[in-house]
């Protein structure tokens, strides 16, 4: 579990008890967590950190970009994506060792949520709604038909349905890859 101001906590008994696991984290505001096989990634105020020992030790992995707050993380296969507060989306294909910016067509670079459905990547922004990429973040298209709010702090997939949590207007659902 990531916390605002308290770092990362781990439970080994389904949430009955929690232990702080922050060795190596230089910031305690954890905005996002994701896992790729056995590696955990934390998106924090200042970048991305990685742990390969269940959170016991953390290493910063921000090569290829300036220090950014990372509000969203997601994994597709072996590719890791980070959504940042002002820098857009970054992609890593080597477990976070190196990152490249992938923002072509992304009109708003304040990306606060990310999710994957099949081979499509979705980015939720503050102020400009949802964007979709069908080429690993190489190009983005705005997909907002039916959304009454353009602030999308939360995206989630269940099966083939995408859910978008908004500020003030509730939750929206798409069953056609974000078209409506």
Protein backbone atom coordinates (compact mmCIF):
# COMPACT_ATOMS: atom_id res chain seq x y z
CA UNK A 1 0.00 0.00 0.00
CA UNK A 2 1.32 3.44 -0.91
CA UNK A 3 0.53 6.40 1.32
CA UNK A 4 0.76 10.16 1.16
CA UNK A 5 3.55 11.09 3.55
CA UNK A 6 4.15 7.62 5.01
CA UNK A 7 5.79 5.72 2.15
CA UNK A 8 5.08 2.07 1.34
CA UNK A 9 3.58 -0.52 3.67
CA UNK A 10 3.38 -4.30 3.12
CA UNK A 11 0.99 -6.91 4.49
CA UNK A 12 1.68 -10.63 4.48
CA UNK A 13 -1.67 -11.60 6.05
CA UNK A 14 -4.34 -10.12 3.76
CA UNK A 15 -4.25 -6.69 5.41
CA UNK A 16 -4.43 -7.87 9.02
CA UNK A 17 -1.13 -6.15 9.81
CA UNK A 18 1.06 -3.69 7.91
CA UNK A 19 4.82 -3.15 8.01
CA UNK A 20 6.62 -0.06 6.73
CA UNK A 21 9.08 -0.89 3.90
CA UNK A 22 10.78 2.34 2.86
CA UNK A 23 14.54 1.64 2.85
CA UNK A 24 15.97 3.67 -0.03
CA UNK A 25 12.87 5.78 -0.75
CA UNK A 26 13.87 9.44 -0.73
CA UNK A 27 10.27 10.71 -0.85
CA UNK A 28 7.38 9.46 1.23
CA UNK A 29 4.49 10.58 -1.00
CA UNK A 30 3.61 7.42 -2.92
CA UNK A 31 1.02 8.10 -5.62
CA UNK A 32 1.08 4.81 -7.53
CA UNK A 33 2.22 1.20 -7.24
CA UNK A 34 2.40 -1.54 -9.86
CA UNK A 35 4.13 -4.88 -10.27
CA UNK A 36 5.83 -6.50 -13.25
CA UNK A 37 6.35 -10.20 -12.51
CA UNK A 38 8.37 -10.03 -9.25
CA UNK A 39 9.44 -6.37 -9.40
CA UNK A 40 7.45 -3.66 -7.60
CA UNK A 41 7.45 -0.08 -8.85
CA UNK A 42 6.46 2.98 -6.82
CA UNK A 43 5.50 6.29 -8.42
CA UNK A 44 6.37 9.02 -5.98
CA UNK A 45 6.90 12.75 -5.69
CA UNK A 46 10.14 12.92 -7.63
CA UNK A 47 10.18 9.82 -9.84
CA UNK A 48 10.01 6.03 -9.94
CA UNK A 49 11.57 3.61 -7.49
CA UNK A 50 11.96 -0.15 -7.96
CA UNK A 51 12.15 -3.08 -5.52
CA UNK A 52 12.95 -6.66 -6.38
CA UNK A 53 12.80 -7.95 -2.78
CA UNK A 54 9.13 -7.42 -1.84
CA UNK A 55 9.70 -3.80 -0.90
CA UNK A 56 12.56 -4.30 1.55
CA UNK A 57 14.91 -2.08 -0.49
CA UNK A 58 14.15 0.57 -3.11
CA UNK A 59 16.30 2.01 -5.92
CA UNK A 60 15.52 5.13 -7.94
CA UNK A 61 15.12 4.44 -11.69
CA UNK A 62 14.66 7.75 -13.53
CA UNK A 63 17.27 7.66 -16.31
CA UNK A 64 16.13 9.52 -19.43
CA UNK A 65 13.93 12.15 -17.82
CA UNK A 66 13.99 15.06 -15.45
CA UNK A 67 12.65 14.60 -11.96
CA UNK A 68 8.83 14.50 -12.16
CA UNK A 69 6.05 13.56 -9.76
CA UNK A 70 4.72 10.19 -10.94
CA UNK A 71 0.98 9.88 -10.39
CA UNK A 72 0.26 6.73 -12.40
CA UNK A 73 2.00 3.47 -13.29
CA UNK A 74 0.86 0.54 -15.39
CA UNK A 75 2.39 -2.50 -17.04
CA UNK A 76 1.63 -4.09 -20.40
CA UNK A 77 3.58 -7.29 -20.94
CA UNK A 78 7.16 -6.30 -20.15
CA UNK A 79 6.63 -2.59 -20.81
CA UNK A 80 6.25 -0.14 -17.94
CA UNK A 81 4.47 3.23 -18.31
CA UNK A 82 4.60 6.23 -15.97
CA UNK A 83 2.16 9.14 -16.00
CA UNK A 84 3.64 12.36 -14.66
CA UNK A 85 2.49 15.74 -13.41
CA UNK A 86 3.52 17.91 -16.33
CA UNK A 87 5.83 15.68 -18.35
CA UNK A 88 3.19 13.37 -19.85
CA UNK A 89 3.85 9.64 -20.29
CA UNK A 90 7.18 7.85 -20.18
CA UNK A 91 7.83 4.26 -21.30
CA UNK A 92 10.46 1.75 -20.17
CA UNK A 93 11.13 -1.63 -21.76
CA UNK A 94 13.99 -2.60 -19.43
CA UNK A 95 12.39 -2.71 -15.96
CA UNK A 96 12.74 1.02 -15.42
CA UNK A 97 16.44 1.34 -16.23
CA UNK A 98 15.83 3.73 -19.13
CA UNK A 99 12.78 5.81 -20.08
CA UNK A 100 11.59 7.59 -23.20
CA UNK A 101 8.90 10.25 -23.48
CA UNK A 102 5.85 9.11 -25.51
CA UNK A 103 3.53 12.11 -25.87
CA UNK A 104 2.72 12.58 -29.57
CA UNK A 105 -0.91 13.72 -29.72
CA UNK A 106 -1.25 13.97 -25.95
CA UNK A 107 -2.62 17.49 -25.50
CA UNK A 108 -2.39 17.59 -21.70
CA UNK A 109 0.86 16.46 -20.05
CA UNK A 110 -0.64 16.20 -16.55
CA UNK A 111 -1.36 12.44 -16.66
CA UNK A 112 -2.80 11.15 -13.39
CA UNK A 113 -4.14 7.72 -14.35
CA UNK A 114 -3.14 4.93 -16.72
CA UNK A 115 -4.60 1.55 -17.62
CA UNK A 116 -4.25 -1.11 -20.29
CA UNK A 117 -6.86 -3.19 -22.07
CA UNK A 118 -5.48 -5.66 -24.59
CA UNK A 119 -3.01 -3.76 -26.75
CA UNK A 120 -4.49 -0.33 -25.94
CA UNK A 121 -3.12 2.11 -23.39
CA UNK A 122 -5.36 4.75 -21.79
CA UNK A 123 -4.28 7.95 -20.04
CA UNK A 124 -6.49 10.05 -17.79
CA UNK A 125 -5.59 13.73 -17.48
CA UNK A 126 -6.57 16.73 -15.40
CA UNK A 127 -8.57 19.02 -17.63
CA UNK A 128 -8.50 17.18 -20.95
CA UNK A 129 -10.16 13.82 -20.31
CA UNK A 130 -9.01 10.43 -21.62
CA UNK A 131 -6.52 9.64 -24.38
CA UNK A 132 -5.94 6.24 -26.05
CA UNK A 133 -2.84 4.81 -27.70
CA UNK A 134 -2.78 1.69 -29.87
CA UNK A 135 0.99 1.75 -30.47
CA UNK A 136 2.59 1.56 -27.00
CA UNK A 137 2.20 5.26 -26.33
CA UNK A 138 3.75 6.36 -29.62
CA UNK A 139 0.62 8.29 -30.65
CA UNK A 140 -2.40 9.39 -28.65
CA UNK A 141 -6.04 10.11 -29.61
CA UNK A 142 -8.57 11.88 -27.41
CA UNK A 143 -11.56 9.60 -26.56
CA UNK A 144 -14.06 11.60 -24.50
CA UNK A 145 -17.48 11.05 -26.10
CA UNK A 146 -20.01 10.94 -23.26
CA UNK A 147 -17.71 12.14 -20.48
CA UNK A 148 -19.13 15.17 -18.70
CA UNK A 149 -15.94 15.80 -16.71
CA UNK A 150 -12.46 16.20 -18.17
CA UNK A 151 -10.67 15.48 -14.84
CA UNK A 152 -9.93 11.74 -14.77
CA UNK A 153 -7.96 10.79 -11.63
CA UNK A 154 -8.80 7.10 -11.89
CA UNK A 155 -8.95 4.50 -14.68
CA UNK A 156 -9.58 0.77 -14.27
CA UNK A 157 -10.28 -2.23 -16.48
CA UNK A 158 -12.49 -5.22 -15.72
CA UNK A 159 -12.60 -7.71 -18.56
CA UNK A 160 -13.26 -5.60 -21.64
CA UNK A 161 -14.89 -2.71 -19.78
CA UNK A 162 -13.02 0.50 -18.91
CA UNK A 163 -14.11 2.58 -15.92
CA UNK A 164 -13.21 6.27 -15.59
CA UNK A 165 -13.51 7.95 -12.19
CA UNK A 166 -14.05 11.71 -12.46
CA UNK A 167 -14.04 14.67 -10.13
CA UNK A 168 -17.60 15.72 -9.42
CA UNK A 169 -19.44 13.71 -12.07
CA UNK A 170 -19.03 10.15 -10.79
CA UNK A 171 -17.89 7.03 -12.65
CA UNK A 172 -18.23 6.41 -16.38
CA UNK A 173 -18.05 3.09 -18.25
CA UNK A 174 -16.98 2.23 -21.79
CA UNK A 175 -17.49 -1.12 -23.44
CA UNK A 176 -16.11 -0.07 -26.83
CA UNK A 177 -12.45 0.71 -26.07
CA UNK A 178 -13.15 4.26 -24.96
CA UNK A 179 -15.08 5.35 -28.04
CA UNK A 180 -18.19 6.12 -25.95
